[in-house]
Amino acid sequence: MRRILANYRRKLTNYESVVAYSLLGLIGGLASGAVVLAFELAISAAAGLWGVGDGGEAFEALPRWLLFALPAGGALLLGLAYHLLAPEDRETGIVHVLSRMHSHYGVLPLRNALVQFIGGTFALATGQSGGREGPGVHLGGAVNSLLGQRLGLPNNSLRVLIACGTAGGIAAAFNTPLAGVIFAMEVIIAEYSVVGFIPVILAAVSASAVSQIFSPAGAVFVIRSLQLESLLEIPYIMLLGVVCGISVALFVWISKWATRLSHWPVSLRFALAGLLTGSLALAVPQILGVGYDTLNDALHGQVAMQTLLVIALAKLLATAVSCGVGMPIGLIGPNLLIGACIGGAMGIAGGWIQPELASDPTVYIVIGMAAAMGTVLNAPLAAILAVVELTHTVSIAMPAMLAIVAATLTHTGVFRQRSAHQTALRQLQRMVPDDPLNQLLHRTDVSSTMDVRVVRVPILLAAEDIEPLLEFTPTWCLVERGSEDLYLVKGDELLAWLSENMDEEEGADLGEAGIRRWSIAAVPVQATLRQAMDTMRKQTVEAVCIYERSAASGKRILHGVLTRETIEEFSLARL
């Protein structure tokens, strides 16, 4: 078994190993589908403890006093629990995944995943205004990253595993595998390649299958086939996109404002968000929880125009503040509801203004959902595909694309706002570069470019140690003292110095050798070229030695050497 796993790890170091990565995608999809399903069941079970039925959605049926007390008290308890955690353990959601993808090379911690699962379950079960898709993305990515870490897989494969997990999270949540694939490519790894697509597609399909087989609730939305009645509606649809762009810009602005309260104690921040949500819920109980029951009512024309507008405004305010203060909730579901309410209200108004031209308000609801989702995530393709998969209608894609374009231009061009996740990363002062060079370094394993012609030599070299050096003619010699690795020297330079200074009886002290010494740092054999470059920069060294820890003895096994020049030459040859 160990030999099979070792061979599999070796195949994964090559990013072009489609078959090996396809197996990874299948396993990752099943794992992410299972954990997302468990998360949804946990929310439903927890909400049922205080009488919230319909899978944890029917908050409107609660007594009036509980509409306020449940979110307010739940937020306070959650804040007190968060107060006991270290700040780095509180990070959850898509922002956490993006940050760890780049700063920690795909290593997602178990502790944060547990905080996401337990905290997210409690938050949504107590009616905090948020979504479960963001937590699902984190959990799907985390379970796959933890699996890869447990198996000792190379870090370049962790990126693919996380992409598979995030695609599976979206696919399982909405039963939209295509949208899950594009979401992973657009938002998480920001890269399109055939090798990357295959495992992610398998993950999305397998996660969606898990959701369809085991989910007791079935599809999230039941939307009939839709069609635009007239092309004369196009200007009105563009106006819908503009209004959705304004709403998303307001959402991001309020969220940024709430994030500035990060110097406040976390219990106080959460209590503030809970009080706001509870107060709004007294007037608009539909904002509690994710709100998919309200969205379904809107899709079936069961919500009046004025109510739709009030729900949109209250949901926007409550969710933006809750996300901004750091609650373990998502923002995809709430923005779908916000976009749906805006679209529904404009669809009803359009029917009043031009009844002979206007399409069914449901068309505008779906287009509003796409515009809000695509803009808040900066993922237009994922939003379009989500609409097509939810409605089973390709013809809806054209007006949805126009609305998304109008919303995005309004959001970014007029109000100069970024996506919600890019804004959060910027406020945290975390760089997430997605240029071709960084993508190449992240997906390339150190073993593909390291020089393996390296030997260890003691700093006090005996005469009998010279013969193996002459026979092997290494490129590099790692000078050591006891169990301590000191520095590297070029093999040919060392041999030239020894030929002139070696005493056949007393040996030689390499500490006295007047040849160039290369400062070194250590990186694990699972590392990527990005990790090797970052290590050289942080520790101000010229080369890294690639080590593997022996499972039997615990000693470090030297595999090879990488220099900055080697990585630069490799990058120039590939770009």
Protein backbone atom coordinates (compact mmCIF):
# COMPACT_ATOMS: atom_id res chain seq x y z
CA MET A 1 0.00 0.00 0.00
CA ARG A 2 2.83 2.39 0.87
CA ARG A 3 4.46 1.72 -2.48
CA ILE A 4 1.21 2.44 -4.34
CA LEU A 5 0.76 5.69 -2.42
CA ALA A 6 4.38 6.69 -3.06
CA ASN A 7 3.93 6.08 -6.80
CA TYR A 8 0.70 8.09 -6.75
CA ARG A 9 2.42 11.00 -5.00
CA ARG A 10 5.12 10.90 -7.65
CA LYS A 11 2.55 11.12 -10.44
CA LEU A 12 0.86 14.09 -8.78
CA THR A 13 4.09 16.09 -8.81
CA ASN A 14 3.54 16.31 -12.59
CA TYR A 15 0.70 18.77 -13.16
CA GLU A 16 -0.03 17.16 -16.54
CA SER A 17 -0.96 13.76 -14.99
CA VAL A 18 -4.63 13.87 -16.00
CA VAL A 19 -5.48 10.33 -14.85
CA ALA A 20 -3.94 10.81 -11.40
CA TYR A 21 -5.70 14.14 -10.92
CA SER A 22 -8.99 12.70 -12.18
CA LEU A 23 -8.94 10.17 -9.34
CA LEU A 24 -8.24 13.06 -6.99
CA GLY A 25 -11.25 14.92 -8.36
CA LEU A 26 -13.60 11.98 -7.89
CA ILE A 27 -12.53 11.44 -4.29
CA GLY A 28 -12.61 15.18 -3.60
CA GLY A 29 -16.13 15.53 -4.98
CA LEU A 30 -17.50 12.71 -2.86
CA ALA A 31 -15.83 14.11 0.26
CA SER A 32 -17.04 17.68 -0.33
CA GLY A 33 -20.57 16.53 -1.19
CA ALA A 34 -20.72 14.50 2.04
CA VAL A 35 -19.46 17.31 4.28
CA VAL A 36 -21.82 19.91 2.71
CA LEU A 37 -24.74 17.52 3.16
CA ALA A 38 -23.72 16.98 6.81
CA PHE A 39 -23.56 20.76 7.30
CA GLU A 40 -27.06 21.29 5.92
CA LEU A 41 -28.46 18.46 8.06
CA ALA A 42 -26.75 19.91 11.13
CA ILE A 43 -28.37 23.32 10.52
CA SER A 44 -31.78 21.71 10.12
CA ALA A 45 -31.37 19.61 13.29
CA ALA A 46 -30.08 22.53 15.38
CA ALA A 47 -32.85 24.88 14.21
CA GLY A 48 -35.42 22.22 15.00
CA LEU A 49 -34.42 22.37 18.68
CA TRP A 50 -36.21 25.71 19.01
CA GLY A 51 -39.07 24.92 16.71
CA VAL A 52 -37.81 26.14 13.31
CA GLY A 53 -39.09 23.75 10.68
CA ASP A 54 -38.74 23.43 6.91
CA GLY A 55 -35.06 22.50 7.11
CA GLY A 56 -34.22 25.46 9.33
CA GLU A 57 -35.95 28.03 7.12
CA ALA A 58 -39.40 28.65 8.64
CA PHE A 59 -38.43 31.39 11.10
CA GLU A 60 -41.57 33.37 10.22
CA ALA A 61 -43.68 30.91 12.24
CA LEU A 62 -41.86 31.69 15.51
CA PRO A 63 -43.47 33.80 18.25
CA ARG A 64 -42.78 37.50 17.89
CA TRP A 65 -40.54 37.74 20.96
CA LEU A 66 -38.39 34.87 19.63
CA LEU A 67 -37.89 36.62 16.29
CA PHE A 68 -35.74 39.12 18.20
CA ALA A 69 -34.37 36.97 21.02
CA LEU A 70 -33.13 34.10 18.86
CA PRO A 71 -30.74 36.04 16.56
CA ALA A 72 -29.74 38.51 19.30
CA GLY A 73 -29.07 35.83 21.92
CA GLY A 74 -27.49 33.47 19.42
CA ALA A 75 -25.08 36.16 18.20
CA LEU A 76 -24.10 37.01 21.78
CA LEU A 77 -23.40 33.35 22.65
CA LEU A 78 -21.45 32.88 19.43
CA GLY A 79 -19.41 36.01 20.18
CA LEU A 80 -18.56 34.76 23.68
CA ALA A 81 -17.42 31.43 22.21
CA TYR A 82 -15.32 33.24 19.59
CA HIS A 83 -13.73 35.30 22.35
CA LEU A 84 -12.06 32.10 23.58
CA LEU A 85 -10.46 31.46 20.18
CA ALA A 86 -7.20 32.85 18.86
CA PRO A 87 -7.75 35.45 16.10
CA GLU A 88 -6.24 33.19 13.42
CA ASP A 89 -8.66 30.37 14.36
CA ARG A 90 -11.70 32.60 13.78
CA GLU A 91 -11.07 32.96 10.05
CA THR A 92 -13.61 31.12 7.92
CA GLY A 93 -15.31 31.22 4.54
CA ILE A 94 -14.15 31.91 1.01
CA VAL A 95 -11.74 34.67 2.09
CA HIS A 96 -9.97 32.20 4.37
CA VAL A 97 -9.69 29.65 1.54
CA LEU A 98 -8.29 32.22 -0.92
CA SER A 99 -5.81 33.50 1.64
CA ARG A 100 -4.51 30.04 2.60
CA MET A 101 -4.33 28.99 -1.05
CA HIS A 102 -1.61 31.58 -1.61
CA SER A 103 0.01 32.27 1.74
CA HIS A 104 0.07 28.66 3.01
CA TYR A 105 0.11 26.82 -0.33
CA GLY A 106 -3.26 25.10 0.08
CA VAL A 107 -2.82 23.91 3.68
CA LEU A 108 -6.19 24.51 5.36
CA PRO A 109 -6.21 23.89 9.14
CA LEU A 110 -8.58 21.48 10.83
CA ARG A 111 -9.33 23.95 13.63
CA ASN A 112 -10.73 26.60 11.29
CA ALA A 113 -12.84 23.97 9.52
CA LEU A 114 -14.34 22.88 12.85
CA VAL A 115 -15.04 26.51 13.75
CA GLN A 116 -16.73 26.93 10.36
CA PHE A 117 -18.87 23.81 10.78
CA ILE A 118 -19.93 24.35 14.39
CA GLY A 119 -20.04 28.15 14.31
CA GLY A 120 -21.78 28.26 10.92
CA THR A 121 -24.35 25.70 12.04
CA PHE A 122 -25.16 27.63 15.21
CA ALA A 123 -25.23 31.00 13.44
CA LEU A 124 -27.62 29.93 10.69
CA ALA A 125 -29.75 27.85 13.06
CA THR A 126 -30.25 30.91 15.29
CA GLY A 127 -31.40 33.00 12.35
CA GLN A 128 -28.33 35.09 11.58
CA SER A 129 -28.79 36.65 8.14
CA GLY A 130 -26.35 34.75 5.95
CA GLY A 131 -25.88 31.91 3.52
CA ARG A 132 -24.56 28.37 3.74
CA GLU A 133 -22.73 28.31 0.40
CA GLY A 134 -19.66 30.23 1.63
CA PRO A 135 -19.28 27.86 4.60
CA GLY A 136 -19.88 24.97 2.19
CA VAL A 137 -17.03 26.18 -0.02
CA HIS A 138 -14.73 26.38 3.02
CA LEU A 139 -15.75 22.96 4.32
CA GLY A 140 -15.49 21.30 0.91
CA GLY A 141 -12.03 22.78 0.34
CA ALA A 142 -10.90 22.01 3.90
CA VAL A 143 -11.91 18.36 3.94
CA ASN A 144 -10.01 17.82 0.69
CA SER A 145 -6.95 19.76 1.86
CA LEU A 146 -6.87 17.77 5.11
CA LEU A 147 -7.15 14.54 3.14
CA GLY A 148 -4.22 15.59 0.95
CA GLN A 149 -2.16 16.59 3.98
CA ARG A 150 -2.91 13.27 5.71
CA LEU A 151 -1.74 11.33 2.66
CA GLY A 152 1.36 13.52 2.28
CA LEU A 153 0.40 14.65 -1.23
CA PRO A 154 2.48 17.41 -2.88
CA ASN A 155 1.25 20.95 -2.27
CA ASN A 156 0.60 21.61 -5.94
CA SER A 157 -2.07 18.90 -5.80
CA LEU A 158 -3.64 20.54 -2.72
CA ARG A 159 -4.64 23.46 -4.95
CA VAL A 160 -6.50 21.10 -7.26
CA LEU A 161 -8.06 19.31 -4.28
CA ILE A 162 -9.33 22.61 -2.87
CA ALA A 163 -10.71 23.60 -6.28
CA CYS A 164 -12.50 20.24 -6.40
CA GLY A 165 -13.88 20.82 -2.91
CA THR A 166 -15.17 24.30 -3.68
CA ALA A 167 -16.76 23.14 -6.93
CA GLY A 168 -18.35 20.29 -5.03
CA GLY A 169 -19.59 22.69 -2.36
CA ILE A 170 -21.43 24.87 -4.88
CA ALA A 171 -22.68 21.90 -6.90
CA ALA A 172 -24.05 20.15 -3.82
CA ALA A 173 -25.68 23.31 -2.48
CA PHE A 174 -27.58 24.23 -5.67
CA ASN A 175 -27.42 21.03 -7.74
CA THR A 176 -25.60 23.08 -10.39
CA PRO A 177 -22.41 21.18 -11.29
CA LEU A 178 -21.48 23.44 -14.23
CA ALA A 179 -21.75 26.57 -12.09
CA GLY A 180 -19.64 24.84 -9.43
CA VAL A 181 -16.88 24.12 -11.94
CA ILE A 182 -16.75 27.67 -13.26
CA PHE A 183 -16.96 29.13 -9.74
CA ALA A 184 -13.87 27.14 -8.74
CA MET A 185 -12.02 28.30 -11.85
CA GLU A 186 -13.14 31.95 -11.71
CA VAL A 187 -12.96 32.66 -7.99
CA ILE A 188 -10.71 30.09 -6.30
CA ILE A 189 -7.81 29.23 -8.60
CA ALA A 190 -8.38 31.94 -11.26
CA GLU A 191 -7.03 29.70 -13.99
CA TYR A 192 -8.46 27.81 -16.96
CA SER A 193 -6.69 24.69 -18.22
CA VAL A 194 -7.76 21.29 -19.53
CA VAL A 195 -5.79 19.52 -16.81
CA GLY A 196 -7.47 21.67 -14.18
CA PHE A 197 -10.97 21.26 -15.61
CA ILE A 198 -11.12 17.44 -15.71
CA PRO A 199 -10.77 16.73 -11.95
CA VAL A 200 -12.94 19.72 -11.03
CA ILE A 201 -15.71 18.52 -13.39
CA LEU A 202 -15.57 15.05 -11.83
CA ALA A 203 -15.73 16.61 -8.37
CA ALA A 204 -18.76 18.76 -9.21
CA VAL A 205 -20.63 15.84 -10.77
CA SER A 206 -19.90 13.43 -7.89
CA ALA A 207 -20.79 16.04 -5.24
CA SER A 208 -24.04 16.83 -7.05
CA ALA A 209 -24.81 13.10 -7.18
CA VAL A 210 -24.23 12.78 -3.42
CA SER A 211 -26.60 15.70 -2.82
CA GLN A 212 -29.32 14.31 -5.11
CA ILE A 213 -29.17 10.83 -3.62
CA PHE A 214 -29.01 11.67 0.08
CA SER A 215 -30.51 15.14 0.49
CA PRO A 216 -33.99 14.82 2.00
CA ALA A 217 -35.09 18.27 0.83
CA GLY A 218 -34.40 17.80 -2.86
CA ALA A 219 -33.68 20.77 -5.13
CA VAL A 220 -33.23 24.18 -3.49
CA PHE A 221 -35.33 25.95 -6.13
CA VAL A 222 -38.02 24.62 -8.43
CA ILE A 223 -38.05 26.97 -11.42
CA ARG A 224 -40.04 26.30 -14.56
CA SER A 225 -38.69 26.93 -18.03
CA LEU A 226 -38.60 30.67 -18.72
CA GLN A 227 -38.47 32.82 -21.83
CA LEU A 228 -38.12 36.52 -22.60
CA GLU A 229 -41.31 37.77 -24.26
CA SER A 230 -39.80 40.59 -26.35
CA LEU A 231 -36.42 42.09 -27.20
CA LEU A 232 -37.98 45.47 -26.40
CA GLU A 233 -37.49 44.49 -22.74
CA ILE A 234 -33.71 44.67 -23.12
CA PRO A 235 -33.37 48.31 -21.90
CA TYR A 236 -35.50 47.49 -18.86
CA ILE A 237 -33.33 44.44 -18.13
CA MET A 238 -30.24 46.65 -18.36
CA LEU A 239 -31.90 48.96 -15.84
CA LEU A 240 -32.46 45.94 -13.59
CA GLY A 241 -28.71 45.21 -13.84
CA VAL A 242 -27.90 48.80 -12.88
CA VAL A 243 -30.14 48.61 -9.80
CA CYS A 244 -28.57 45.27 -8.79
CA GLY A 245 -25.11 46.81 -9.25
CA ILE A 246 -26.09 49.67 -6.94
CA SER A 247 -27.39 47.23 -4.32
CA VAL A 248 -24.20 45.14 -4.41
CA ALA A 249 -22.05 48.28 -4.16
CA LEU A 250 -24.07 49.31 -1.09
CA PHE A 251 -23.68 45.80 0.33
CA VAL A 252 -19.88 45.89 -0.07
CA TRP A 253 -19.65 49.43 1.33
CA ILE A 254 -21.63 48.52 4.47
CA SER A 255 -19.57 45.35 4.88
CA LYS A 256 -16.36 47.41 4.64
CA TRP A 257 -17.67 49.81 7.26
CA ALA A 258 -18.50 46.92 9.62
CA THR A 259 -15.04 45.41 9.09
CA ARG A 260 -13.52 48.60 10.49
CA LEU A 261 -14.94 47.58 13.86
CA SER A 262 -12.39 44.75 14.02
CA HIS A 263 -10.62 46.48 16.94
CA TRP A 264 -13.77 45.98 19.04
CA PRO A 265 -14.07 42.77 21.12
CA VAL A 266 -15.54 40.01 19.00
CA SER A 267 -18.38 39.40 21.46
CA LEU A 268 -19.43 43.06 21.17
CA ARG A 269 -19.25 43.00 17.36
CA PHE A 270 -21.37 39.85 17.11
CA ALA A 271 -23.87 41.21 19.65
CA LEU A 272 -24.25 44.37 17.56
CA ALA A 273 -24.97 42.32 14.43
CA GLY A 274 -27.42 40.11 16.33
CA LEU A 275 -29.29 43.09 17.75
CA LEU A 276 -29.58 44.63 14.30
CA THR A 277 -30.82 41.39 12.75
CA GLY A 278 -33.30 40.79 15.57
CA SER A 279 -34.64 44.34 15.40
CA LEU A 280 -35.16 44.14 11.63
CA ALA A 281 -36.74 40.69 12.00
CA LEU A 282 -39.53 42.17 14.17
CA ALA A 283 -40.70 44.02 11.07
CA VAL A 284 -39.36 41.69 8.34
CA PRO A 285 -39.04 38.12 9.69
CA GLN A 286 -38.22 36.86 6.18
CA ILE A 287 -34.61 38.05 6.57
CA LEU A 288 -33.78 35.43 9.20
CA GLY A 289 -31.58 32.55 8.08
CA VAL A 290 -30.70 32.00 4.44
CA GLY A 291 -34.14 32.99 3.13
CA TYR A 292 -34.63 30.35 0.46
CA ASP A 293 -38.25 29.82 1.57
CA THR A 294 -38.92 33.50 0.84
CA LEU A 295 -37.09 33.20 -2.48
CA ASN A 296 -39.29 30.26 -3.47
CA ASP A 297 -42.40 32.25 -2.52
CA ALA A 298 -41.18 35.11 -4.73
CA LEU A 299 -40.54 32.73 -7.62
CA HIS A 300 -44.14 31.56 -7.39
CA GLY A 301 -45.53 35.11 -7.26
CA GLN A 302 -46.63 34.93 -3.63
CA VAL A 303 -44.92 38.13 -2.40
CA ALA A 304 -46.20 41.65 -3.03
CA MET A 305 -44.04 44.32 -4.67
CA GLN A 306 -43.70 46.52 -1.56
CA THR A 307 -42.78 43.50 0.57
CA LEU A 308 -40.10 42.47 -1.91
CA LEU A 309 -38.43 45.87 -1.70
CA VAL A 310 -38.53 45.91 2.12
CA ILE A 311 -37.08 42.40 2.28
CA ALA A 312 -34.27 43.35 -0.12
CA LEU A 313 -33.27 46.41 1.90
CA ALA A 314 -33.47 44.70 5.31
CA LYS A 315 -31.64 41.57 4.07
CA LEU A 316 -28.90 43.70 2.54
CA LEU A 317 -28.32 45.66 5.74
CA ALA A 318 -28.42 42.68 8.12
CA THR A 319 -26.21 40.43 5.99
CA ALA A 320 -23.63 43.09 5.15
CA VAL A 321 -23.13 43.95 8.83
CA SER A 322 -23.07 40.29 9.91
CA CYS A 323 -20.48 39.38 7.26
CA GLY A 324 -18.45 42.50 7.99
CA VAL A 325 -18.07 41.74 11.70
CA GLY A 326 -16.76 38.26 10.86
CA MET A 327 -19.63 35.86 11.51
CA PRO A 328 -19.07 32.36 10.04
CA ILE A 329 -21.77 32.80 7.39
CA GLY A 330 -21.84 33.23 3.63
CA LEU A 331 -23.09 35.95 1.32
CA ILE A 332 -24.06 34.09 -1.85
CA GLY A 333 -27.52 32.99 -0.72
CA PRO A 334 -28.49 36.41 0.72
CA ASN A 335 -27.41 38.19 -2.46
CA LEU A 336 -29.46 35.75 -4.51
CA LEU A 337 -32.46 36.72 -2.38
CA ILE A 338 -31.65 40.44 -2.67
CA GLY A 339 -31.33 40.18 -6.45
CA ALA A 340 -34.52 38.11 -6.65
CA CYS A 341 -36.50 40.68 -4.63
CA ILE A 342 -35.25 43.56 -6.78
CA GLY A 343 -36.00 41.60 -9.94
CA GLY A 344 -39.44 40.58 -8.70
CA ALA A 345 -40.36 44.16 -7.79
CA MET A 346 -39.18 45.47 -11.17
CA GLY A 347 -40.96 42.62 -12.95
CA ILE A 348 -44.25 43.54 -11.28
CA ALA A 349 -43.68 47.23 -12.06
CA GLY A 350 -42.91 46.35 -15.68
CA GLY A 351 -46.20 44.49 -15.92
CA TRP A 352 -48.00 47.60 -14.74
CA ILE A 353 -46.17 49.91 -17.16
CA GLN A 354 -46.27 47.77 -20.33
CA PRO A 355 -48.46 44.69 -19.72
CA GLU A 356 -48.41 43.69 -23.39
CA LEU A 357 -44.59 43.57 -23.54
CA ALA A 358 -43.52 42.49 -20.06
CA SER A 359 -42.40 38.94 -19.39
CA ASP A 360 -43.44 36.92 -16.37
CA PRO A 361 -41.99 38.52 -13.19
CA THR A 362 -40.21 35.21 -12.56
CA VAL A 363 -37.94 36.01 -15.53
CA TYR A 364 -36.85 39.21 -13.82
CA ILE A 365 -36.40 37.41 -10.50
CA VAL A 366 -34.01 34.91 -12.04
CA ILE A 367 -32.11 37.61 -13.94
CA GLY A 368 -31.83 39.66 -10.74
CA MET A 369 -30.41 36.61 -8.94
CA ALA A 370 -27.77 36.20 -11.65
CA ALA A 371 -26.85 39.90 -11.66
CA ALA A 372 -26.42 40.10 -7.89
CA MET A 373 -24.49 36.80 -7.64
CA GLY A 374 -22.20 37.54 -10.57
CA THR A 375 -21.38 41.02 -9.27
CA VAL A 376 -20.80 40.28 -5.59
CA LEU A 377 -18.47 37.37 -6.47
CA ASN A 378 -17.01 38.88 -9.65
CA ALA A 379 -17.93 35.57 -11.26
CA PRO A 380 -20.15 36.35 -14.27
CA LEU A 381 -19.73 32.98 -15.99
CA ALA A 382 -20.62 31.04 -12.84
CA ALA A 383 -23.73 33.19 -12.37
CA ILE A 384 -24.89 32.72 -15.97
CA LEU A 385 -24.42 28.95 -15.81
CA ALA A 386 -26.22 28.82 -12.46
CA VAL A 387 -29.22 30.54 -14.07
CA VAL A 388 -29.19 28.20 -17.06
CA GLU A 389 -28.97 25.10 -14.85
CA LEU A 390 -31.65 26.30 -12.43
CA THR A 391 -34.14 27.21 -15.17
CA HIS A 392 -33.14 24.50 -17.67
CA THR A 393 -33.43 27.25 -20.28
CA VAL A 394 -30.55 28.42 -22.46
CA SER A 395 -32.51 31.38 -23.86
CA ILE A 396 -32.45 33.09 -20.46
CA ALA A 397 -28.66 33.37 -20.70
CA MET A 398 -28.68 36.33 -23.11
CA PRO A 399 -30.72 38.75 -20.97
CA ALA A 400 -28.93 37.49 -17.86
CA MET A 401 -25.56 38.30 -19.43
CA LEU A 402 -26.66 41.82 -20.26
CA ALA A 403 -27.92 42.36 -16.70
CA ILE A 404 -24.65 41.02 -15.24
CA VAL A 405 -22.63 43.33 -17.49
CA ALA A 406 -24.72 46.33 -16.47
CA ALA A 407 -24.48 45.39 -12.78
CA THR A 408 -20.72 44.82 -12.92
CA LEU A 409 -20.05 48.08 -14.78
CA THR A 410 -22.17 49.97 -12.26
CA HIS A 411 -20.48 48.28 -9.31
CA THR A 412 -16.89 48.61 -10.52
CA GLY A 413 -16.99 51.51 -12.96
CA VAL A 414 -19.37 53.93 -11.27
CA PHE A 415 -18.89 53.08 -7.59
CA ARG A 416 -15.32 51.73 -7.95
CA GLN A 417 -15.96 48.72 -5.73
CA ARG A 418 -14.37 45.28 -5.94
CA SER A 419 -16.00 41.93 -5.28
CA ALA A 420 -16.83 41.22 -1.65
CA HIS A 421 -13.98 38.75 -1.26
CA GLN A 422 -11.39 40.92 -2.98
CA THR A 423 -12.47 43.81 -0.74
CA ALA A 424 -12.07 41.71 2.40
CA LEU A 425 -8.63 40.49 1.33
CA ARG A 426 -7.57 44.04 0.61
CA GLN A 427 -8.72 45.19 4.05
CA LEU A 428 -6.75 42.33 5.62
CA GLN A 429 -3.74 43.49 3.54
CA ARG A 430 -3.31 40.07 1.98
CA MET A 431 -2.03 39.72 -1.54
CA VAL A 432 -3.57 37.03 -3.73
CA PRO A 433 -1.69 37.36 -7.04
CA ASP A 434 -3.17 35.44 -9.97
CA ASP A 435 -0.73 36.41 -12.74
CA PRO A 436 0.64 33.64 -15.01
CA LEU A 437 4.02 33.53 -13.26
CA ASN A 438 2.51 32.94 -9.82
CA GLN A 439 0.09 30.38 -11.22
CA LEU A 440 3.03 28.50 -12.77
CA LEU A 441 5.04 28.57 -9.53
CA HIS A 442 2.06 27.44 -7.46
CA ARG A 443 1.28 24.44 -9.64
CA THR A 444 4.88 23.23 -10.12
CA ASP A 445 6.39 20.82 -7.63
CA VAL A 446 9.99 21.33 -6.47
CA SER A 447 10.91 17.83 -7.59
CA SER A 448 10.37 18.78 -11.23
CA THR A 449 13.25 21.27 -11.25
CA MET A 450 15.53 20.42 -8.31
CA ASP A 451 19.10 19.23 -8.88
CA VAL A 452 19.47 15.76 -7.35
CA ARG A 453 23.26 15.59 -7.86
CA VAL A 454 24.05 16.60 -4.31
CA VAL A 455 26.05 14.85 -1.56
CA ARG A 456 26.70 15.55 2.07
CA VAL A 457 30.29 16.15 3.08
CA PRO A 458 31.63 16.72 6.61
CA ILE A 459 33.34 20.04 7.29
CA LEU A 460 36.38 18.07 8.46
CA LEU A 461 36.98 15.93 5.38
CA ALA A 462 39.10 12.80 5.81
CA ALA A 463 41.34 11.47 3.05
CA GLU A 464 39.16 8.40 2.47
CA ASP A 465 36.13 10.65 1.79
CA ILE A 466 37.67 12.20 -1.31
CA GLU A 467 37.37 9.11 -3.53
CA PRO A 468 33.53 8.94 -3.47
CA LEU A 469 33.45 12.63 -4.40
CA LEU A 470 35.67 12.03 -7.41
CA GLU A 471 33.57 9.09 -8.57
CA PHE A 472 30.20 10.87 -8.20
CA THR A 473 31.27 14.36 -9.39
CA PRO A 474 28.31 16.10 -7.70
CA THR A 475 26.92 19.45 -8.76
CA TRP A 476 26.47 20.45 -5.14
CA CYS A 477 28.08 19.50 -1.85
CA LEU A 478 26.16 20.12 1.39
CA VAL A 479 28.70 20.85 4.09
CA GLU A 480 27.63 19.59 7.51
CA ARG A 481 28.90 19.53 11.05
CA GLY A 482 27.50 16.56 12.92
CA SER A 483 23.72 16.67 12.24
CA GLU A 484 23.76 20.37 11.32
CA ASP A 485 23.63 21.43 7.68
CA LEU A 486 25.81 24.52 7.24
CA TYR A 487 25.96 25.67 3.61
CA LEU A 488 26.30 24.56 0.00
CA VAL A 489 29.34 24.70 -2.25
CA LYS A 490 29.66 23.86 -5.93
CA GLY A 491 31.05 20.36 -6.44
CA ASP A 492 33.60 21.32 -9.11
CA GLU A 493 34.89 24.24 -7.03
CA LEU A 494 35.30 22.00 -3.99
CA LEU A 495 37.14 19.32 -5.96
CA ALA A 496 39.46 21.93 -7.47
CA TRP A 497 40.28 23.30 -4.02
CA LEU A 498 40.83 19.80 -2.61
CA SER A 499 43.25 18.89 -5.40
CA GLU A 500 45.48 21.74 -4.24
CA ASN A 501 44.94 21.68 -0.47
CA MET A 502 44.10 18.08 0.51
CA ASP A 503 46.55 16.49 2.93
CA GLU A 504 46.41 12.74 2.35
CA GLU A 505 47.18 12.03 6.00
CA GLU A 506 45.40 14.81 7.90
CA GLY A 507 42.52 15.48 5.54
CA ALA A 508 41.13 18.99 5.06
CA ASP A 509 39.12 21.56 6.99
CA LEU A 510 36.47 22.86 4.54
CA GLY A 511 35.87 25.81 6.83
CA GLU A 512 39.16 27.18 5.55
CA ALA A 513 38.25 26.70 1.88
CA GLY A 514 38.24 29.98 -0.01
CA ILE A 515 35.33 29.08 -2.27
CA ARG A 516 31.84 30.54 -2.51
CA ARG A 517 29.38 29.40 0.13
CA TRP A 518 25.66 29.33 -0.69
CA SER A 519 23.37 30.07 2.24
CA ILE A 520 20.52 27.58 2.57
CA ALA A 521 17.09 26.97 4.06
CA ALA A 522 14.98 23.81 4.19
CA VAL A 523 11.68 23.08 2.41
CA PRO A 524 9.68 19.83 2.45
CA VAL A 525 9.53 17.56 -0.56
CA GLN A 526 5.81 18.45 -0.93
CA ALA A 527 6.65 22.12 -1.56
CA THR A 528 5.95 24.08 -4.72
CA LEU A 529 8.29 26.47 -6.52
CA ARG A 530 6.30 29.37 -5.04
CA GLN A 531 7.00 28.03 -1.56
CA ALA A 532 10.69 27.63 -2.36
CA MET A 533 10.92 31.21 -3.66
CA ASP A 534 9.05 32.57 -0.65
CA THR A 535 11.35 30.68 1.72
CA MET A 536 14.45 32.09 0.02
CA ARG A 537 13.05 35.60 0.23
CA LYS A 538 11.89 35.42 3.86
CA GLN A 539 15.09 33.81 5.16
CA THR A 540 17.38 35.79 2.82
CA VAL A 541 19.16 32.71 1.45
CA GLU A 542 20.42 31.77 -1.98
CA ALA A 543 19.23 28.16 -2.19
CA VAL A 544 16.89 25.66 -0.59
CA CYS A 545 17.49 22.02 0.23
CA ILE A 546 14.53 19.70 -0.32
CA TYR A 547 14.04 17.23 2.51
CA GLU A 548 11.73 14.36 3.35
CA ARG A 549 11.22 13.02 6.86
CA SER A 550 11.86 9.27 7.10
CA ALA A 551 8.81 7.44 8.47
CA ALA A 552 11.00 4.75 10.02
CA SER A 553 13.86 6.69 11.64
CA GLY A 554 12.48 10.24 11.71
CA LYS A 555 15.69 11.54 10.10
CA ARG A 556 15.70 14.04 7.26
CA ILE A 557 16.43 12.63 3.82
CA LEU A 558 18.01 15.05 1.35
CA HIS A 559 16.41 14.90 -2.10
CA GLY A 560 17.90 17.83 -3.98
CA VAL A 561 18.79 21.51 -4.24
CA LEU A 562 17.04 24.50 -5.79
CA THR A 563 18.48 27.95 -6.39
CA ARG A 564 16.75 31.18 -7.33
CA GLU A 565 18.51 31.09 -10.70
CA THR A 566 17.17 27.61 -11.43
CA ILE A 567 13.59 28.71 -10.75
CA GLU A 568 13.99 31.85 -12.87
CA GLU A 569 15.38 29.83 -15.79
CA PHE A 570 12.49 27.36 -15.50
CA SER A 571 9.91 30.18 -15.44
CA LEU A 572 11.40 31.97 -18.45
CA ALA A 573 11.38 28.73 -20.43
CA ARG A 574 7.67 28.12 -19.67
CA LEU A 575 6.24 31.62 -20.07
